[in-house]
Amino acid sequence: MVKNIDYNVVKEIDMVIANEYEDYQKEELLTKNYAKKWKKGNFDFGLAHKGVKNIIVTPRARKYQGEWGIKIGDVERDAIAKARLREIMRRIKEGDF
């Protein structure tokens, strides 16, 4: 059974993460770490996705749920983590790190 994803919530939380300073700091640390791993050839997308989800997305989703009372499921959290990881990898490949 495939669960429907609420893309409006995914997009909104992705924008909140991109604009919140606390989340920005966490993402910068992950980006530096992932850039080092990418250059050494030790980068694993599965572990990186898990790291982004656990360190950035889940805490922000819990705050969002508390503020707005909207249930954010695991499928939405995965989608947000994938979007943030794509952005991190884009920055690494462009040479920002």
PDB file of N, CA and C in Angstrom:
ATOM      1  N   MET A   1       0.845  -1.176   0.000  1.00  0.00           N
ATOM      2  CA  MET A   1       0.000   0.000   0.000  1.00  0.00           C
ATOM      3  C   MET A   1       0.894   1.245   0.000  1.00  0.00           C
ATOM      4  N   VAL A   2       0.673   2.124  -0.938  1.00  0.00           N
ATOM      5  CA  VAL A   2       1.452   3.344  -1.064  1.00  0.00           C
ATOM      6  C   VAL A   2       0.703   4.475  -0.373  1.00  0.00           C
ATOM      7  N   LYS A   3       1.405   5.168   0.495  1.00  0.00           N
ATOM      8  CA  LYS A   3       0.802   6.285   1.200  1.00  0.00           C
ATOM      9  C   LYS A   3       1.005   7.559   0.386  1.00  0.00           C
ATOM     10  N   ASN A   4      -0.012   8.386   0.356  1.00  0.00           N
ATOM     11  CA  ASN A   4       0.093   9.649  -0.348  1.00  0.00           C
ATOM     12  C   ASN A   4       0.945  10.620   0.455  1.00  0.00           C
ATOM     13  N   ILE A   5       1.781  11.345  -0.238  1.00  0.00           N
ATOM     14  CA  ILE A   5       2.648  12.328   0.398  1.00  0.00           C
ATOM     15  C   ILE A   5       2.000  13.700   0.271  1.00  0.00           C
ATOM     16  N   ASP A   6       1.989  14.437   1.369  1.00  0.00           N
ATOM     17  CA  ASP A   6       1.492  15.807   1.354  1.00  0.00           C
ATOM     18  C   ASP A   6       2.661  16.715   0.951  1.00  0.00           C
ATOM     19  N   TYR A   7       2.747  17.017  -0.333  1.00  0.00           N
ATOM     20  CA  TYR A   7       3.879  17.783  -0.851  1.00  0.00           C
ATOM     21  C   TYR A   7       3.889  19.221  -0.371  1.00  0.00           C
ATOM     22  N   ASN A   8       2.741  19.752   0.005  1.00  0.00           N
ATOM     23  CA  ASN A   8       2.714  21.113   0.546  1.00  0.00           C
ATOM     24  C   ASN A   8       3.457  21.174   1.876  1.00  0.00           C
ATOM     25  N   VAL A   9       3.257  20.170   2.724  1.00  0.00           N
ATOM     26  CA  VAL A   9       3.958  20.108   4.002  1.00  0.00           C
ATOM     27  C   VAL A   9       5.445  19.890   3.768  1.00  0.00           C
ATOM     28  N   VAL A  10       5.784  19.017   2.830  1.00  0.00           N
ATOM     29  CA  VAL A  10       7.196  18.749   2.514  1.00  0.00           C
ATOM     30  C   VAL A  10       7.874  20.035   2.054  1.00  0.00           C
ATOM     31  N   LYS A  11       7.245  20.745   1.164  1.00  0.00           N
ATOM     32  CA  LYS A  11       7.816  21.980   0.631  1.00  0.00           C
ATOM     33  C   LYS A  11       7.947  23.043   1.719  1.00  0.00           C
ATOM     34  N   GLU A  12       6.940  23.149   2.561  1.00  0.00           N
ATOM     35  CA  GLU A  12       6.960  24.155   3.610  1.00  0.00           C
ATOM     36  C   GLU A  12       8.061  23.884   4.633  1.00  0.00           C
ATOM     37  N   ILE A  13       8.179  22.648   5.080  1.00  0.00           N
ATOM     38  CA  ILE A  13       9.206  22.320   6.070  1.00  0.00           C
ATOM     39  C   ILE A  13      10.595  22.428   5.450  1.00  0.00           C
ATOM     40  N   ASP A  14      10.737  22.073   4.182  1.00  0.00           N
ATOM     41  CA  ASP A  14      12.013  22.230   3.496  1.00  0.00           C
ATOM     42  C   ASP A  14      12.414  23.703   3.472  1.00  0.00           C
ATOM     43  N   MET A  15      11.479  24.590   3.223  1.00  0.00           N
ATOM     44  CA  MET A  15      11.768  26.023   3.221  1.00  0.00           C
ATOM     45  C   MET A  15      12.095  26.523   4.622  1.00  0.00           C
ATOM     46  N   VAL A  16      11.395  26.012   5.627  1.00  0.00           N
ATOM     47  CA  VAL A  16      11.686  26.412   7.006  1.00  0.00           C
ATOM     48  C   VAL A  16      13.104  25.999   7.377  1.00  0.00           C
ATOM     49  N   ILE A  17      13.486  24.781   7.038  1.00  0.00           N
ATOM     50  CA  ILE A  17      14.834  24.297   7.340  1.00  0.00           C
ATOM     51  C   ILE A  17      15.879  25.145   6.625  1.00  0.00           C
ATOM     52  N   ALA A  18      15.609  25.515   5.389  1.00  0.00           N
ATOM     53  CA  ALA A  18      16.564  26.310   4.616  1.00  0.00           C
ATOM     54  C   ALA A  18      16.731  27.716   5.196  1.00  0.00           C
ATOM     55  N   ASN A  19      15.729  28.211   5.910  1.00  0.00           N
ATOM     56  CA  ASN A  19      15.769  29.588   6.390  1.00  0.00           C
ATOM     57  C   ASN A  19      15.993  29.745   7.890  1.00  0.00           C
ATOM     58  N   GLU A  20      15.944  28.684   8.653  1.00  0.00           N
ATOM     59  CA  GLU A  20      16.175  28.766  10.097  1.00  0.00           C
ATOM     60  C   GLU A  20      17.673  28.691  10.373  1.00  0.00           C
ATOM     61  N   TYR A  21      18.172  29.603  11.189  1.00  0.00           N
ATOM     62  CA  TYR A  21      19.611  29.665  11.458  1.00  0.00           C
ATOM     63  C   TYR A  21      20.112  28.416  12.169  1.00  0.00           C
ATOM     64  N   GLU A  22      19.354  27.926  13.133  1.00  0.00           N
ATOM     65  CA  GLU A  22      19.744  26.720  13.877  1.00  0.00           C
ATOM     66  C   GLU A  22      19.911  25.525  12.935  1.00  0.00           C
ATOM     67  N   ASP A  23      18.955  25.364  12.032  1.00  0.00           N
ATOM     68  CA  ASP A  23      19.031  24.272  11.062  1.00  0.00           C
ATOM     69  C   ASP A  23      20.151  24.506  10.059  1.00  0.00           C
ATOM     70  N   TYR A  24      20.370  25.754   9.708  1.00  0.00           N
ATOM     71  CA  TYR A  24      21.453  26.108   8.781  1.00  0.00           C
ATOM     72  C   TYR A  24      22.808  25.697   9.358  1.00  0.00           C
ATOM     73  N   GLN A  25      23.008  25.954  10.653  1.00  0.00           N
ATOM     74  CA  GLN A  25      24.268  25.582  11.292  1.00  0.00           C
ATOM     75  C   GLN A  25      24.477  24.068  11.269  1.00  0.00           C
ATOM     76  N   LYS A  26      23.421  23.325  11.565  1.00  0.00           N
ATOM     77  CA  LYS A  26      23.517  21.860  11.536  1.00  0.00           C
ATOM     78  C   LYS A  26      23.832  21.372  10.128  1.00  0.00           C
ATOM     79  N   GLU A  27      23.173  21.980   9.146  1.00  0.00           N
ATOM     80  CA  GLU A  27      23.384  21.572   7.764  1.00  0.00           C
ATOM     81  C   GLU A  27      24.793  21.913   7.296  1.00  0.00           C
ATOM     82  N   GLU A  28      25.341  23.033   7.750  1.00  0.00           N
ATOM     83  CA  GLU A  28      26.707  23.393   7.384  1.00  0.00           C
ATOM     84  C   GLU A  28      27.704  22.367   7.912  1.00  0.00           C
ATOM     85  N   LEU A  29      27.516  21.930   9.151  1.00  0.00           N
ATOM     86  CA  LEU A  29      28.411  20.918   9.714  1.00  0.00           C
ATOM     87  C   LEU A  29      28.327  19.601   8.934  1.00  0.00           C
ATOM     88  N   LEU A  30      27.097  19.195   8.601  1.00  0.00           N
ATOM     89  CA  LEU A  30      26.938  17.980   7.807  1.00  0.00           C
ATOM     90  C   LEU A  30      27.559  18.135   6.425  1.00  0.00           C
ATOM     91  N   THR A  31      27.392  19.303   5.828  1.00  0.00           N
ATOM     92  CA  THR A  31      27.933  19.541   4.494  1.00  0.00           C
ATOM     93  C   THR A  31      29.448  19.444   4.493  1.00  0.00           C
ATOM     94  N   LYS A  32      30.086  20.032   5.496  1.00  0.00           N
ATOM     95  CA  LYS A  32      31.549  19.947   5.591  1.00  0.00           C
ATOM     96  C   LYS A  32      31.989  18.493   5.739  1.00  0.00           C
ATOM     97  N   ASN A  33      31.296  17.762   6.593  1.00  0.00           N
ATOM     98  CA  ASN A  33      31.623  16.359   6.814  1.00  0.00           C
ATOM     99  C   ASN A  33      31.434  15.548   5.528  1.00  0.00           C
ATOM    100  N   TYR A  34      30.307  15.757   4.854  1.00  0.00           N
ATOM    101  CA  TYR A  34      30.027  15.011   3.628  1.00  0.00           C
ATOM    102  C   TYR A  34      30.996  15.386   2.512  1.00  0.00           C
ATOM    103  N   ALA A  35      31.435  16.642   2.474  1.00  0.00           N
ATOM    104  CA  ALA A  35      32.398  17.062   1.456  1.00  0.00           C
ATOM    105  C   ALA A  35      33.727  16.333   1.641  1.00  0.00           C
ATOM    106  N   LYS A  36      34.151  16.195   2.893  1.00  0.00           N
ATOM    107  CA  LYS A  36      35.386  15.458   3.167  1.00  0.00           C
ATOM    108  C   LYS A  36      35.255  14.008   2.724  1.00  0.00           C
ATOM    109  N   LYS A  37      34.134  13.405   3.071  1.00  0.00           N
ATOM    110  CA  LYS A  37      33.910  12.008   2.699  1.00  0.00           C
ATOM    111  C   LYS A  37      33.830  11.856   1.180  1.00  0.00           C
ATOM    112  N   TRP A  38      33.185  12.807   0.503  1.00  0.00           N
ATOM    113  CA  TRP A  38      33.050  12.763  -0.953  1.00  0.00           C
ATOM    114  C   TRP A  38      34.425  12.811  -1.621  1.00  0.00           C
ATOM    115  N   LYS A  39      35.284  13.703  -1.126  1.00  0.00           N
ATOM    116  CA  LYS A  39      36.621  13.850  -1.711  1.00  0.00           C
ATOM    117  C   LYS A  39      37.483  12.613  -1.480  1.00  0.00           C
ATOM    118  N   LYS A  40      37.307  11.959  -0.337  1.00  0.00           N
ATOM    119  CA  LYS A  40      38.075  10.756  -0.024  1.00  0.00           C
ATOM    120  C   LYS A  40      37.516   9.517  -0.716  1.00  0.00           C
ATOM    121  N   GLY A  41      36.269   9.602  -1.190  1.00  0.00           N
ATOM    122  CA  GLY A  41      35.643   8.460  -1.835  1.00  0.00           C
ATOM    123  C   GLY A  41      34.935   7.527  -0.869  1.00  0.00           C
ATOM    124  N   ASN A  42      34.679   7.982   0.350  1.00  0.00           N
ATOM    125  CA  ASN A  42      34.017   7.169   1.366  1.00  0.00           C
ATOM    126  C   ASN A  42      32.558   7.544   1.564  1.00  0.00           C
ATOM    127  N   PHE A  43      31.976   8.298   0.664  1.00  0.00           N
ATOM    128  CA  PHE A  43      30.623   8.801   0.849  1.00  0.00           C
ATOM    129  C   PHE A  43      29.590   7.703   0.596  1.00  0.00           C
ATOM    130  N   ASP A  44      28.606   7.604   1.482  1.00  0.00           N
ATOM    131  CA  ASP A  44      27.523   6.630   1.363  1.00  0.00           C
ATOM    132  C   ASP A  44      26.195   7.387   1.420  1.00  0.00           C
ATOM    133  N   PHE A  45      25.435   7.356   0.323  1.00  0.00           N
ATOM    134  CA  PHE A  45      24.187   8.112   0.263  1.00  0.00           C
ATOM    135  C   PHE A  45      23.170   7.644   1.296  1.00  0.00           C
ATOM    136  N   GLY A  46      23.122   6.353   1.564  1.00  0.00           N
ATOM    137  CA  GLY A  46      22.176   5.830   2.543  1.00  0.00           C
ATOM    138  C   GLY A  46      22.433   6.374   3.937  1.00  0.00           C
ATOM    139  N   LEU A  47      23.695   6.366   4.333  1.00  0.00           N
ATOM    140  CA  LEU A  47      24.051   6.907   5.648  1.00  0.00           C
ATOM    141  C   LEU A  47      23.870   8.424   5.698  1.00  0.00           C
ATOM    142  N   ALA A  48      24.173   9.088   4.591  1.00  0.00           N
ATOM    143  CA  ALA A  48      24.003  10.538   4.538  1.00  0.00           C
ATOM    144  C   ALA A  48      22.525  10.904   4.670  1.00  0.00           C
ATOM    145  N   HIS A  49      21.670  10.166   3.990  1.00  0.00           N
ATOM    146  CA  HIS A  49      20.227  10.398   4.075  1.00  0.00           C
ATOM    147  C   HIS A  49      19.752  10.211   5.511  1.00  0.00           C
ATOM    148  N   LYS A  50      20.227   9.154   6.140  1.00  0.00           N
ATOM    149  CA  LYS A  50      19.850   8.873   7.523  1.00  0.00           C
ATOM    150  C   LYS A  50      20.327   9.991   8.452  1.00  0.00           C
ATOM    151  N   GLY A  51      21.537  10.490   8.221  1.00  0.00           N
ATOM    152  CA  GLY A  51      22.065  11.576   9.036  1.00  0.00           C
ATOM    153  C   GLY A  51      21.258  12.847   8.902  1.00  0.00           C
ATOM    154  N   VAL A  52      20.924  13.215   7.684  1.00  0.00           N
ATOM    155  CA  VAL A  52      20.117  14.421   7.452  1.00  0.00           C
ATOM    156  C   VAL A  52      18.751  14.263   8.100  1.00  0.00           C
ATOM    157  N   LYS A  53      18.166  13.093   7.952  1.00  0.00           N
ATOM    158  CA  LYS A  53      16.842  12.852   8.517  1.00  0.00           C
ATOM    159  C   LYS A  53      16.867  12.940  10.038  1.00  0.00           C
ATOM    160  N   ASN A  54      17.850  12.299  10.672  1.00  0.00           N
ATOM    161  CA  ASN A  54      17.893  12.258  12.133  1.00  0.00           C
ATOM    162  C   ASN A  54      18.371  13.553  12.770  1.00  0.00           C
ATOM    163  N   ILE A  55      19.297  14.241  12.139  1.00  0.00           N
ATOM    164  CA  ILE A  55      19.897  15.424  12.751  1.00  0.00           C
ATOM    165  C   ILE A  55      19.133  16.702  12.429  1.00  0.00           C
ATOM    166  N   ILE A  56      18.602  16.819  11.234  1.00  0.00           N
ATOM    167  CA  ILE A  56      17.950  18.067  10.833  1.00  0.00           C
ATOM    168  C   ILE A  56      16.433  17.934  10.737  1.00  0.00           C
ATOM    169  N   VAL A  57      15.962  16.951   9.988  1.00  0.00           N
ATOM    170  CA  VAL A  57      14.548  16.888   9.628  1.00  0.00           C
ATOM    171  C   VAL A  57      13.652  16.495  10.807  1.00  0.00           C
ATOM    172  N   THR A  58      13.996  15.449  11.527  1.00  0.00           N
ATOM    173  CA  THR A  58      13.122  14.968  12.596  1.00  0.00           C
ATOM    174  C   THR A  58      12.912  16.018  13.695  1.00  0.00           C
ATOM    175  N   PRO A  59      13.973  16.680  14.206  1.00  0.00           N
ATOM    176  CA  PRO A  59      13.713  17.715  15.211  1.00  0.00           C
ATOM    177  C   PRO A  59      12.835  18.858  14.694  1.00  0.00           C
ATOM    178  N   ARG A  60      13.072  19.273  13.437  1.00  0.00           N
ATOM    179  CA  ARG A  60      12.254  20.360  12.873  1.00  0.00           C
ATOM    180  C   ARG A  60      10.815  19.901  12.678  1.00  0.00           C
ATOM    181  N   ALA A  61      10.624  18.659  12.254  1.00  0.00           N
ATOM    182  CA  ALA A  61       9.268  18.137  12.062  1.00  0.00           C
ATOM    183  C   ALA A  61       8.522  18.080  13.395  1.00  0.00           C
ATOM    184  N   ARG A  62       9.211  17.706  14.458  1.00  0.00           N
ATOM    185  CA  ARG A  62       8.572  17.670  15.783  1.00  0.00           C
ATOM    186  C   ARG A  62       8.169  19.064  16.236  1.00  0.00           C
ATOM    187  N   LYS A  63       9.038  20.053  15.998  1.00  0.00           N
ATOM    188  CA  LYS A  63       8.695  21.435  16.344  1.00  0.00           C
ATOM    189  C   LYS A  63       7.487  21.898  15.532  1.00  0.00           C
ATOM    190  N   TYR A  64       7.484  21.557  14.260  1.00  0.00           N
ATOM    191  CA  TYR A  64       6.387  21.944  13.377  1.00  0.00           C
ATOM    192  C   TYR A  64       5.073  21.308  13.829  1.00  0.00           C
ATOM    193  N   GLN A  65       5.137  20.045  14.201  1.00  0.00           N
ATOM    194  CA  GLN A  65       3.947  19.352  14.695  1.00  0.00           C
ATOM    195  C   GLN A  65       3.427  20.018  15.960  1.00  0.00           C
ATOM    196  N   GLY A  66       4.323  20.413  16.849  1.00  0.00           N
ATOM    197  CA  GLY A  66       3.910  21.068  18.079  1.00  0.00           C
ATOM    198  C   GLY A  66       3.282  22.429  17.843  1.00  0.00           C
ATOM    199  N   GLU A  67       3.811  23.168  16.872  1.00  0.00           N
ATOM    200  CA  GLU A  67       3.289  24.498  16.581  1.00  0.00           C
ATOM    201  C   GLU A  67       1.969  24.466  15.830  1.00  0.00           C
ATOM    202  N   TRP A  68       1.852  23.587  14.857  1.00  0.00           N
ATOM    203  CA  TRP A  68       0.704  23.601  13.964  1.00  0.00           C
ATOM    204  C   TRP A  68      -0.247  22.429  14.149  1.00  0.00           C
ATOM    205  N   GLY A  69       0.170  21.422  14.882  1.00  0.00           N
ATOM    206  CA  GLY A  69      -0.711  20.283  15.138  1.00  0.00           C
ATOM    207  C   GLY A  69      -0.938  19.388  13.932  1.00  0.00           C
ATOM    208  N   ILE A  70      -0.049  19.452  12.958  1.00  0.00           N
ATOM    209  CA  ILE A  70      -0.166  18.638  11.756  1.00  0.00           C
ATOM    210  C   ILE A  70       0.747  17.430  11.906  1.00  0.00           C
ATOM    211  N   LYS A  71       0.216  16.242  11.699  1.00  0.00           N
ATOM    212  CA  LYS A  71       0.999  15.011  11.801  1.00  0.00           C
ATOM    213  C   LYS A  71       1.887  14.871  10.568  1.00  0.00           C
ATOM    214  N   ILE A  72       3.180  14.722  10.819  1.00  0.00           N
ATOM    215  CA  ILE A  72       4.143  14.557   9.730  1.00  0.00           C
ATOM    216  C   ILE A  72       4.675  13.140   9.806  1.00  0.00           C
ATOM    217  N   GLY A  73       4.321  12.353   8.819  1.00  0.00           N
ATOM    218  CA  GLY A  73       4.688  10.948   8.803  1.00  0.00           C
ATOM    219  C   GLY A  73       6.106  10.692   8.342  1.00  0.00           C
ATOM    220  N   ASP A  74       6.498   9.440   8.406  1.00  0.00           N
ATOM    221  CA  ASP A  74       7.841   9.027   8.022  1.00  0.00           C
ATOM    222  C   ASP A  74       8.086   9.223   6.531  1.00  0.00           C
ATOM    223  N   VAL A  75       7.052   9.077   5.730  1.00  0.00           N
ATOM    224  CA  VAL A  75       7.194   9.252   4.274  1.00  0.00           C
ATOM    225  C   VAL A  75       7.535  10.703   3.951  1.00  0.00           C
ATOM    226  N   GLU A  76       6.864  11.629   4.628  1.00  0.00           N
ATOM    227  CA  GLU A  76       7.153  13.044   4.408  1.00  0.00           C
ATOM    228  C   GLU A  76       8.560  13.392   4.895  1.00  0.00           C
ATOM    229  N   ARG A  77       8.958  12.837   6.033  1.00  0.00           N
ATOM    230  CA  ARG A  77      10.298  13.107   6.559  1.00  0.00           C
ATOM    231  C   ARG A  77      11.372  12.598   5.603  1.00  0.00           C
ATOM    232  N   ASP A  78      11.137  11.437   5.006  1.00  0.00           N
ATOM    233  CA  ASP A  78      12.083  10.914   4.013  1.00  0.00           C
ATOM    234  C   ASP A  78      12.185  11.848   2.814  1.00  0.00           C
ATOM    235  N   ALA A  79      11.042  12.355   2.357  1.00  0.00           N
ATOM    236  CA  ALA A  79      11.037  13.257   1.204  1.00  0.00           C
ATOM    237  C   ALA A  79      11.777  14.554   1.522  1.00  0.00           C
ATOM    238  N   ILE A  80      11.594  15.082   2.726  1.00  0.00           N
ATOM    239  CA  ILE A  80      12.295  16.305   3.122  1.00  0.00           C
ATOM    240  C   ILE A  80      13.795  16.040   3.199  1.00  0.00           C
ATOM    241  N   ALA A  81      14.171  14.907   3.781  1.00  0.00           N
ATOM    242  CA  ALA A  81      15.593  14.564   3.902  1.00  0.00           C
ATOM    243  C   ALA A  81      16.235  14.413   2.518  1.00  0.00           C
ATOM    244  N   LYS A  82      15.527  13.809   1.580  1.00  0.00           N
ATOM    245  CA  LYS A  82      16.061  13.667   0.223  1.00  0.00           C
ATOM    246  C   LYS A  82      16.255  15.029  -0.427  1.00  0.00           C
ATOM    247  N   ALA A  83      15.306  15.937  -0.216  1.00  0.00           N
ATOM    248  CA  ALA A  83      15.427  17.276  -0.792  1.00  0.00           C
ATOM    249  C   ALA A  83      16.613  18.022  -0.199  1.00  0.00           C
ATOM    250  N   ARG A  84      16.800  17.943   1.106  1.00  0.00           N
ATOM    251  CA  ARG A  84      17.925  18.616   1.752  1.00  0.00           C
ATOM    252  C   ARG A  84      19.247  17.989   1.322  1.00  0.00           C
ATOM    253  N   LEU A  85      19.298  16.660   1.190  1.00  0.00           N
ATOM    254  CA  LEU A  85      20.524  15.988   0.762  1.00  0.00           C
ATOM    255  C   LEU A  85      20.867  16.366  -0.676  1.00  0.00           C
ATOM    256  N   ARG A  86      19.871  16.506  -1.535  1.00  0.00           N
ATOM    257  CA  ARG A  86      20.126  16.961  -2.910  1.00  0.00           C
ATOM    258  C   ARG A  86      20.765  18.346  -2.906  1.00  0.00           C
ATOM    259  N   GLU A  87      20.259  19.226  -2.041  1.00  0.00           N
ATOM    260  CA  GLU A  87      20.804  20.574  -1.945  1.00  0.00           C
ATOM    261  C   GLU A  87      22.243  20.537  -1.424  1.00  0.00           C
ATOM    262  N   ILE A  88      22.498  19.711  -0.425  1.00  0.00           N
ATOM    263  CA  ILE A  88      23.853  19.572   0.117  1.00  0.00           C
ATOM    264  C   ILE A  88      24.807  19.066  -0.965  1.00  0.00           C
ATOM    265  N   MET A  89      24.406  18.054  -1.706  1.00  0.00           N
ATOM    266  CA  MET A  89      25.268  17.491  -2.745  1.00  0.00           C
ATOM    267  C   MET A  89      25.475  18.477  -3.892  1.00  0.00           C
ATOM    268  N   ARG A  90      24.456  19.267  -4.208  1.00  0.00           N
ATOM    269  CA  ARG A  90      24.615  20.288  -5.241  1.00  0.00           C
ATOM    270  C   ARG A  90      25.702  21.283  -4.831  1.00  0.00           C
ATOM    271  N   ARG A  91      25.671  21.698  -3.572  1.00  0.00           N
ATOM    272  CA  ARG A  91      26.673  22.655  -3.085  1.00  0.00           C
ATOM    273  C   ARG A  91      28.065  22.036  -3.097  1.00  0.00           C
ATOM    274  N   ILE A  92      28.179  20.779  -2.731  1.00  0.00           N
ATOM    275  CA  ILE A  92      29.487  20.109  -2.718  1.00  0.00           C
ATOM    276  C   ILE A  92      30.027  19.994  -4.140  1.00  0.00           C
ATOM    277  N   LYS A  93      29.189  19.589  -5.071  1.00  0.00           N
ATOM    278  CA  LYS A  93      29.642  19.396  -6.450  1.00  0.00           C
ATOM    279  C   LYS A  93      29.970  20.710  -7.144  1.00  0.00           C
ATOM    280  N   GLU A  94      29.332  21.799  -6.738  1.00  0.00           N
ATOM    281  CA  GLU A  94      29.642  23.091  -7.315  1.00  0.00           C
ATOM    282  C   GLU A  94      30.928  23.674  -6.742  1.00  0.00           C
ATOM    283  N   GLY A  95      31.426  23.049  -5.687  1.00  0.00           N
ATOM    284  CA  GLY A  95      32.703  23.498  -5.131  1.00  0.00           C
ATOM    285  C   GLY A  95      32.580  24.496  -3.992  1.00  0.00           C
ATOM    286  N   ASP A  96      31.412  24.598  -3.371  1.00  0.00           N
ATOM    287  CA  ASP A  96      31.266  25.502  -2.236  1.00  0.00           C
ATOM    288  C   ASP A  96      32.077  25.038  -1.041  1.00  0.00           C
ATOM    289  N   PHE A  97      32.388  23.740  -1.015  1.00  0.00           N
ATOM    290  CA  PHE A  97      33.159  23.187   0.110  1.00  0.00           C
ATOM    291  C   PHE A  97      34.369  22.461  -0.388  1.00  0.00           C
TER     292      PHE A  97
END
